[in-house]
Amino acid sequence: MNSSEQFPMLRSIGRALPQNYYPQEMISAALWNEWGGNDESRARFDRLHRSVGVRGRHLALPMEDYRALDSFSKMNDKWIERATDLGQQAIESALCQAGLEPADIDHIFFTTVTGIASPSIDAKLINRMSMRTDIKRTPIFGLGCVGGAAGLARAADYLRAFPTHTAMLLSVELCSLTVQLQDKSIANVIASGLFADGAAAALLVGGARSDNSLPSPRVVASRSMFFPNTEEMMAWRLADSGFQIVLSAGVPDLVRNKLRQGVDSFLSSLNLSRRDIAHWVAHTGGPKVLQAIEAALEIPRCALARSWKSLAALGNLSSASVLFVAADFLESKIARRGEYGVLLSMGPGFCGELVLLQW
């Protein structure tokens, strides 16, 4: 690696969570009251909710407010309202940490998979936060859990072309506003116990603005991984009632079988190997996905300790999840100068994204 090259820098990550926090047992009980069934069905339901390893989650709304959202339009309207509020909080946090203002942002990237808005949420925030009128916008929909890593990679790509600029990646996922109470499939039961709500904003600056005195990582390179003919592994099916989850039980096996080759190829192209990676930052895809990542990369459970911790405390925040884990990692300040880390996530496509960081 050429250590003298100027790379985009990840300056800060802001996070925002709804105020409505509930233990997993309370959420599970409320959902079962809506679904109902016999004792055998209840036992299976409880077993599936316990298996996702989540202790509690933040929800966009107070639990009693969800029953009134009896149509896709009502859910989406509420998504727009809450996504805008949480997005602003996350951006303000990221800017405050970096000592910057909204007018300093040259390009805003926005990723989500849990609601639809046109103009997109980034446009609403440009107005609300008085950002510049020449700001560039790239709204991204549909990447799901991979959106956090992919968004970082695309923001860094932009900054390589404009090294004096500043880019903001905003991820807002309000998964609770997609729950389908009429869908009693195993995939939906698992999703209703796993996914949660939150927003994260990552601030990056171009290489010409990087400050070597800061303990912030540089984005050295990225690699996209697309696995052909796997569209049905993870997806939305759009119904009259909104987003219906498609989630294959084969996802962990796909990760276990394909991830190692992709990571090794990526690192080899940079004259590195897995032995050179001191830190791994993975999205909170669920226990089986995290175990598959550990098996594929031949790393111990402690290597993904922050991912396991985030999963238990917050659930899977879809595209925001890897950014929450990364923020926790940055705050720990355990990385030493020169060390490498790989940030990774996977999602619909089926696909993955790898981002190489160096401190």
Protein backbone atom coordinates (compact mmCIF):
# COMPACT_ATOMS: atom_id res chain seq x y z
CA MET A 1 0.00 0.00 0.00
CA ASN A 2 1.13 3.54 -0.73
CA SER A 3 0.97 5.21 2.69
CA SER A 4 1.72 8.63 1.17
CA GLU A 5 -1.46 8.64 -0.92
CA GLN A 6 -4.25 10.86 0.32
CA PHE A 7 -7.46 8.90 0.89
CA PRO A 8 -10.92 10.10 1.93
CA MET A 9 -11.27 10.19 5.72
CA LEU A 10 -14.19 9.02 7.83
CA ARG A 11 -14.43 11.95 10.25
CA SER A 12 -17.47 11.08 12.36
CA ILE A 13 -20.66 9.04 12.64
CA GLY A 14 -23.77 10.45 14.27
CA ARG A 15 -26.54 8.22 15.58
CA ALA A 16 -30.20 8.79 16.43
CA LEU A 17 -32.71 6.43 18.00
CA PRO A 18 -36.44 6.92 18.67
CA GLN A 19 -37.32 7.52 22.31
CA ASN A 20 -39.70 4.56 22.39
CA TYR A 21 -37.67 1.62 23.75
CA TYR A 22 -39.24 -1.73 24.65
CA PRO A 23 -37.85 -5.02 25.95
CA GLN A 24 -38.10 -7.82 23.43
CA GLU A 25 -40.57 -9.72 25.61
CA MET A 26 -43.00 -6.79 25.53
CA ILE A 27 -42.81 -6.44 21.76
CA SER A 28 -43.24 -10.18 21.29
CA ALA A 29 -46.28 -10.28 23.55
CA ALA A 30 -47.92 -7.38 21.69
CA LEU A 31 -47.33 -9.01 18.32
CA TRP A 32 -48.70 -12.34 19.50
CA ASN A 33 -51.83 -10.63 20.75
CA GLU A 34 -52.38 -9.39 17.20
CA TRP A 35 -51.64 -12.74 15.55
CA GLY A 36 -53.01 -15.28 18.01
CA GLY A 37 -53.08 -19.04 17.55
CA ASN A 38 -52.83 -22.30 19.47
CA ASP A 39 -50.24 -23.26 22.08
CA GLU A 40 -48.03 -25.00 19.54
CA SER A 41 -47.95 -21.89 17.32
CA ARG A 42 -47.19 -19.72 20.36
CA ALA A 43 -44.27 -21.95 21.32
CA ARG A 44 -42.82 -21.72 17.82
CA PHE A 45 -43.34 -17.95 17.75
CA ASP A 46 -41.56 -17.47 21.08
CA ARG A 47 -38.74 -19.77 20.00
CA LEU A 48 -38.16 -17.80 16.79
CA HIS A 49 -38.17 -14.45 18.60
CA ARG A 50 -35.70 -15.72 21.21
CA SER A 51 -33.42 -17.15 18.51
CA VAL A 52 -32.62 -13.74 16.99
CA GLY A 53 -30.63 -12.73 20.08
CA VAL A 54 -32.28 -9.32 20.60
CA ARG A 55 -32.96 -8.04 24.14
CA GLY A 56 -34.86 -4.88 23.20
CA ARG A 57 -35.53 -2.39 20.41
CA HIS A 58 -36.32 1.25 19.73
CA LEU A 59 -39.55 1.78 17.78
CA ALA A 60 -40.46 4.81 15.69
CA LEU A 61 -43.80 5.19 17.51
CA PRO A 62 -45.27 4.29 20.88
CA MET A 63 -46.47 0.70 20.61
CA GLU A 64 -50.14 1.63 21.01
CA ASP A 65 -50.02 3.88 17.92
CA TYR A 66 -49.32 1.11 15.41
CA ARG A 67 -52.83 -0.34 15.38
CA ALA A 68 -54.16 2.82 13.70
CA LEU A 69 -51.77 2.37 10.76
CA ASP A 70 -54.10 0.14 8.78
CA SER A 71 -52.87 1.02 5.28
CA PHE A 72 -49.61 1.38 3.38
CA SER A 73 -50.22 5.09 2.87
CA LYS A 74 -50.66 5.71 6.60
CA MET A 75 -47.49 3.77 7.43
CA ASN A 76 -45.51 5.58 4.77
CA ASP A 77 -46.74 9.01 5.82
CA LYS A 78 -45.60 8.28 9.35
CA TRP A 79 -42.29 6.98 7.97
CA ILE A 80 -41.67 10.28 6.16
CA GLU A 81 -42.39 12.27 9.31
CA ARG A 82 -40.21 10.23 11.65
CA ALA A 83 -37.43 9.61 9.12
CA THR A 84 -37.00 13.34 8.62
CA ASP A 85 -36.79 13.99 12.36
CA LEU A 86 -34.34 11.19 13.10
CA GLY A 87 -32.27 12.00 10.01
CA GLN A 88 -31.82 15.55 11.20
CA GLN A 89 -30.71 14.37 14.64
CA ALA A 90 -28.13 11.99 13.16
CA ILE A 91 -26.71 14.64 10.79
CA GLU A 92 -26.50 17.23 13.56
CA SER A 93 -24.60 14.75 15.73
CA ALA A 94 -22.09 13.93 12.97
CA LEU A 95 -21.52 17.61 12.16
CA CYS A 96 -21.09 18.54 15.83
CA GLN A 97 -18.45 15.85 16.33
CA ALA A 98 -16.50 17.14 13.31
CA GLY A 99 -16.94 20.83 14.15
CA LEU A 100 -18.72 21.52 10.85
CA GLU A 101 -21.98 23.15 9.74
CA PRO A 102 -24.73 22.00 7.33
CA ALA A 103 -23.42 24.46 4.72
CA ASP A 104 -20.10 22.58 4.67
CA ILE A 105 -21.69 19.51 3.04
CA ASP A 106 -21.03 19.28 -0.70
CA HIS A 107 -22.82 15.99 -1.41
CA ILE A 108 -25.44 14.10 0.59
CA PHE A 109 -26.08 10.41 0.01
CA PHE A 110 -29.26 8.93 1.47
CA THR A 111 -30.01 5.24 1.82
CA THR A 112 -33.12 3.44 3.05
CA VAL A 113 -35.28 0.42 2.31
CA THR A 114 -38.21 0.98 4.68
CA GLY A 115 -40.15 3.85 3.12
CA ILE A 116 -40.71 5.83 -0.07
CA ALA A 117 -40.63 9.59 -0.57
CA SER A 118 -40.24 11.83 -3.61
CA PRO A 119 -38.66 14.23 -3.08
CA SER A 120 -36.56 11.99 -0.87
CA ILE A 121 -35.77 12.64 2.78
CA ASP A 122 -32.46 14.30 1.94
CA ALA A 123 -34.32 17.05 0.04
CA LYS A 124 -36.53 17.71 3.05
CA LEU A 125 -33.46 17.97 5.26
CA ILE A 126 -31.68 20.34 2.87
CA ASN A 127 -34.61 22.73 3.31
CA ARG A 128 -35.01 22.19 7.03
CA MET A 129 -31.28 22.53 7.81
CA SER A 130 -30.53 25.35 5.34
CA MET A 131 -27.89 23.47 3.39
CA ARG A 132 -26.39 25.06 0.28
CA THR A 133 -28.49 25.30 -2.87
CA ASP A 134 -25.67 23.78 -4.96
CA ILE A 135 -25.45 20.63 -2.81
CA LYS A 136 -25.39 17.35 -4.77
CA ARG A 137 -27.90 14.62 -3.88
CA THR A 138 -27.80 10.85 -4.35
CA PRO A 139 -30.81 9.07 -2.84
CA ILE A 140 -30.47 5.27 -2.81
CA PHE A 141 -33.34 2.82 -2.28
CA GLY A 142 -33.38 -0.97 -2.10
CA LEU A 143 -29.93 -1.98 -0.86
CA GLY A 144 -31.26 -3.01 2.53
CA CYS A 145 -28.64 -4.12 5.05
CA VAL A 146 -25.79 -3.62 2.57
CA GLY A 147 -26.68 0.06 2.16
CA GLY A 148 -24.49 1.32 5.01
CA ALA A 149 -21.25 -0.13 3.66
CA ALA A 150 -22.21 0.54 0.03
CA GLY A 151 -23.13 4.13 0.86
CA LEU A 152 -19.75 4.69 2.53
CA ALA A 153 -18.01 3.25 -0.51
CA ARG A 154 -19.95 5.44 -2.96
CA ALA A 155 -19.31 8.56 -0.85
CA ALA A 156 -15.59 7.75 -0.82
CA ASP A 157 -15.66 7.19 -4.59
CA TYR A 158 -17.10 10.68 -4.99
CA LEU A 159 -14.44 12.21 -2.75
CA ARG A 160 -11.67 10.66 -4.80
CA ALA A 161 -12.94 12.71 -7.72
CA PHE A 162 -13.48 15.82 -5.55
CA PRO A 163 -10.77 15.62 -2.85
CA THR A 164 -11.53 19.09 -1.43
CA HIS A 165 -15.20 18.25 -0.78
CA THR A 166 -17.18 16.92 2.18
CA ALA A 167 -19.77 14.15 1.83
CA MET A 168 -22.50 12.98 4.17
CA LEU A 169 -24.07 9.53 4.12
CA LEU A 170 -27.44 9.38 5.87
CA SER A 171 -29.14 6.07 6.61
CA VAL A 172 -32.64 5.97 8.10
CA GLU A 173 -34.42 2.67 8.62
CA LEU A 174 -37.79 2.42 10.38
CA CYS A 175 -38.41 -1.28 10.07
CA SER A 176 -41.32 -1.30 12.51
CA LEU A 177 -43.34 0.71 9.97
CA THR A 178 -43.15 -2.20 7.52
CA VAL A 179 -44.46 -4.98 9.80
CA GLN A 180 -47.26 -6.99 8.17
CA LEU A 181 -49.65 -8.24 10.83
CA GLN A 182 -51.58 -10.39 8.37
CA ASP A 183 -48.44 -12.31 7.34
CA LYS A 184 -47.81 -15.29 9.64
CA SER A 185 -44.94 -16.74 7.61
CA ILE A 186 -41.76 -17.83 9.38
CA ALA A 187 -39.82 -15.14 7.49
CA ASN A 188 -42.13 -12.40 8.78
CA VAL A 189 -42.12 -13.76 12.33
CA ILE A 190 -38.31 -13.69 12.33
CA ALA A 191 -38.25 -10.20 10.79
CA SER A 192 -40.73 -8.93 13.40
CA GLY A 193 -38.34 -10.04 16.13
CA LEU A 194 -35.08 -8.95 14.51
CA PHE A 195 -35.42 -5.59 12.76
CA ALA A 196 -35.64 -2.23 14.52
CA ASP A 197 -35.54 1.53 13.99
CA GLY A 198 -32.74 4.08 13.92
CA ALA A 199 -30.69 6.52 11.86
CA ALA A 200 -26.98 7.06 11.32
CA ALA A 201 -25.02 9.75 9.48
CA ALA A 202 -21.40 9.30 8.41
CA LEU A 203 -19.32 12.36 7.55
CA LEU A 204 -16.39 11.93 5.15
CA VAL A 205 -13.88 14.46 3.83
CA GLY A 206 -11.72 14.24 0.73
CA GLY A 207 -8.02 13.46 0.81
CA ALA A 208 -7.04 17.11 0.41
CA ARG A 209 -8.88 17.84 3.67
CA SER A 210 -7.66 14.81 5.64
CA ASP A 211 -5.84 15.65 8.86
CA ASN A 212 -3.10 13.18 9.83
CA SER A 213 -3.27 14.39 13.43
CA LEU A 214 -6.80 13.00 13.83
CA PRO A 215 -7.37 9.39 15.00
CA SER A 216 -9.78 8.80 12.11
CA PRO A 217 -9.59 6.02 9.53
CA ARG A 218 -9.03 6.57 5.83
CA VAL A 219 -11.17 4.76 3.26
CA VAL A 220 -8.43 3.03 1.29
CA ALA A 221 -10.51 0.92 -1.10
CA SER A 222 -13.83 -0.88 -1.54
CA ARG A 223 -15.16 -3.91 -3.36
CA SER A 224 -18.71 -4.83 -4.35
CA MET A 225 -19.70 -8.50 -4.46
CA PHE A 226 -22.74 -9.57 -6.47
CA PHE A 227 -23.90 -13.18 -6.39
CA PRO A 228 -25.78 -14.02 -9.62
CA ASN A 229 -29.31 -15.46 -9.57
CA THR A 230 -29.92 -14.93 -5.86
CA GLU A 231 -32.66 -12.30 -6.05
CA GLU A 232 -35.07 -14.41 -3.99
CA MET A 233 -32.71 -14.80 -1.05
CA MET A 234 -33.79 -11.46 0.44
CA ALA A 235 -36.28 -8.95 -0.93
CA TRP A 236 -39.47 -6.98 -0.56
CA ARG A 237 -42.68 -8.13 -2.22
CA LEU A 238 -44.90 -5.07 -2.62
CA ALA A 239 -48.49 -5.81 -1.59
CA ASP A 240 -51.54 -3.62 -1.06
CA SER A 241 -50.65 -3.54 2.64
CA GLY A 242 -47.04 -2.49 2.04
CA PHE A 243 -43.67 -4.25 2.14
CA GLN A 244 -43.80 -8.02 2.63
CA ILE A 245 -40.46 -9.59 3.57
CA VAL A 246 -38.80 -12.30 1.50
CA LEU A 247 -36.09 -13.93 3.60
CA SER A 248 -34.46 -17.26 2.71
CA ALA A 249 -33.09 -19.64 5.31
CA GLY A 250 -30.19 -20.14 2.91
CA VAL A 251 -28.64 -16.71 3.53
CA PRO A 252 -26.17 -17.90 6.23
CA ASP A 253 -24.97 -20.75 3.98
CA LEU A 254 -24.45 -18.32 1.10
CA VAL A 255 -22.38 -16.07 3.36
CA ARG A 256 -20.41 -19.02 4.69
CA ASN A 257 -19.66 -20.33 1.20
CA LYS A 258 -19.00 -17.09 -0.70
CA LEU A 259 -17.66 -14.42 1.66
CA ARG A 260 -14.15 -15.79 2.17
CA GLN A 261 -13.38 -15.90 -1.54
CA GLY A 262 -14.62 -12.33 -2.01
CA VAL A 263 -12.63 -10.99 0.93
CA ASP A 264 -9.45 -12.82 -0.04
CA SER A 265 -9.68 -11.61 -3.64
CA PHE A 266 -10.25 -8.03 -2.50
CA LEU A 267 -7.35 -8.03 -0.06
CA SER A 268 -5.03 -9.82 -2.47
CA SER A 269 -5.57 -7.07 -5.04
CA LEU A 270 -4.18 -4.67 -2.43
CA ASN A 271 -1.24 -6.95 -1.51
CA LEU A 272 -2.89 -7.79 1.81
CA SER A 273 -4.39 -10.89 3.43
CA ARG A 274 -6.80 -11.57 6.28
CA ARG A 275 -3.79 -11.79 8.61
CA ASP A 276 -3.18 -8.08 7.99
CA ILE A 277 -6.67 -7.08 9.20
CA ALA A 278 -6.70 -6.06 12.84
CA HIS A 279 -10.38 -5.07 13.03
CA TRP A 280 -13.64 -6.37 11.53
CA VAL A 281 -16.81 -4.24 11.50
CA ALA A 282 -19.85 -6.25 10.38
CA HIS A 283 -23.54 -5.41 10.17
CA THR A 284 -25.85 -7.06 12.70
CA GLY A 285 -27.51 -9.52 10.36
CA GLY A 286 -28.64 -11.88 13.11
CA PRO A 287 -26.92 -14.71 15.01
CA LYS A 288 -26.72 -17.15 12.10
CA VAL A 289 -25.32 -14.51 9.75
CA LEU A 290 -22.71 -13.37 12.28
CA GLN A 291 -21.72 -16.98 12.90
CA ALA A 292 -21.43 -17.51 9.14
CA ILE A 293 -19.17 -14.44 8.85
CA GLU A 294 -16.95 -15.77 11.63
CA ALA A 295 -16.73 -19.18 9.97
CA ALA A 296 -16.03 -17.77 6.50
CA LEU A 297 -13.31 -15.40 7.71
CA GLU A 298 -11.91 -17.87 10.26
CA ILE A 299 -12.08 -15.32 13.05
CA PRO A 300 -13.10 -15.81 16.71
CA ARG A 301 -16.36 -14.52 18.12
CA CYS A 302 -14.53 -11.75 19.97
CA ALA A 303 -13.54 -10.23 16.59
CA LEU A 304 -17.22 -9.30 16.07
CA ALA A 305 -17.94 -8.49 19.71
CA ARG A 306 -19.33 -5.04 18.90
CA SER A 307 -21.67 -6.46 16.27
CA TRP A 308 -23.02 -9.02 18.75
CA LYS A 309 -23.42 -6.30 21.37
CA SER A 310 -25.31 -4.00 18.98
CA LEU A 311 -27.57 -6.85 17.85
CA ALA A 312 -28.56 -7.64 21.43
CA ALA A 313 -29.10 -4.03 22.48
CA LEU A 314 -30.75 -2.57 19.38
CA GLY A 315 -31.69 -5.31 16.91
CA ASN A 316 -30.87 -5.17 13.21
CA LEU A 317 -31.15 -1.58 11.93
CA SER A 318 -30.79 -2.67 8.29
CA SER A 319 -28.48 -0.24 6.42
CA ALA A 320 -27.82 1.77 9.60
CA SER A 321 -26.64 -1.25 11.58
CA VAL A 322 -23.05 -1.37 10.30
CA LEU A 323 -22.75 2.39 10.87
CA PHE A 324 -23.85 1.97 14.49
CA VAL A 325 -21.22 -0.73 14.97
CA ALA A 326 -18.61 1.46 13.28
CA ALA A 327 -19.52 4.44 15.47
CA ASP A 328 -19.10 2.31 18.59
CA PHE A 329 -15.75 1.16 17.25
CA LEU A 330 -14.54 4.70 16.52
CA GLU A 331 -15.53 5.84 20.00
CA SER A 332 -13.50 3.03 21.57
CA LYS A 333 -10.24 4.46 20.10
CA ILE A 334 -8.62 1.03 20.21
CA ALA A 335 -7.23 1.16 16.67
CA ARG A 336 -3.56 2.11 16.37
CA ARG A 337 -2.01 4.15 13.60
CA GLY A 338 -1.32 2.03 10.53
CA GLU A 339 -3.75 -0.75 11.43
CA TYR A 340 -6.26 -2.01 8.86
CA GLY A 341 -9.93 -2.76 9.34
CA VAL A 342 -12.61 -4.17 7.03
CA LEU A 343 -16.16 -2.87 7.25
CA LEU A 344 -18.66 -5.20 5.60
CA SER A 345 -22.34 -5.78 5.12
CA MET A 346 -24.63 -7.86 2.91
CA GLY A 347 -28.14 -7.50 1.59
CA PRO A 348 -30.66 -7.88 -1.24
CA GLY A 349 -29.24 -8.75 -4.60
CA PHE A 350 -27.90 -10.94 -3.05
CA CYS A 351 -24.75 -8.89 -2.62
CA GLY A 352 -22.08 -7.64 -0.27
CA GLU A 353 -19.83 -4.62 0.14
CA LEU A 354 -16.32 -4.51 1.58
CA VAL A 355 -14.64 -1.28 2.72
CA LEU A 356 -10.97 -1.25 3.67
CA LEU A 357 -10.09 1.27 6.39
CA GLN A 358 -6.65 2.29 7.65
CA TRP A 359 -5.87 4.36 10.72
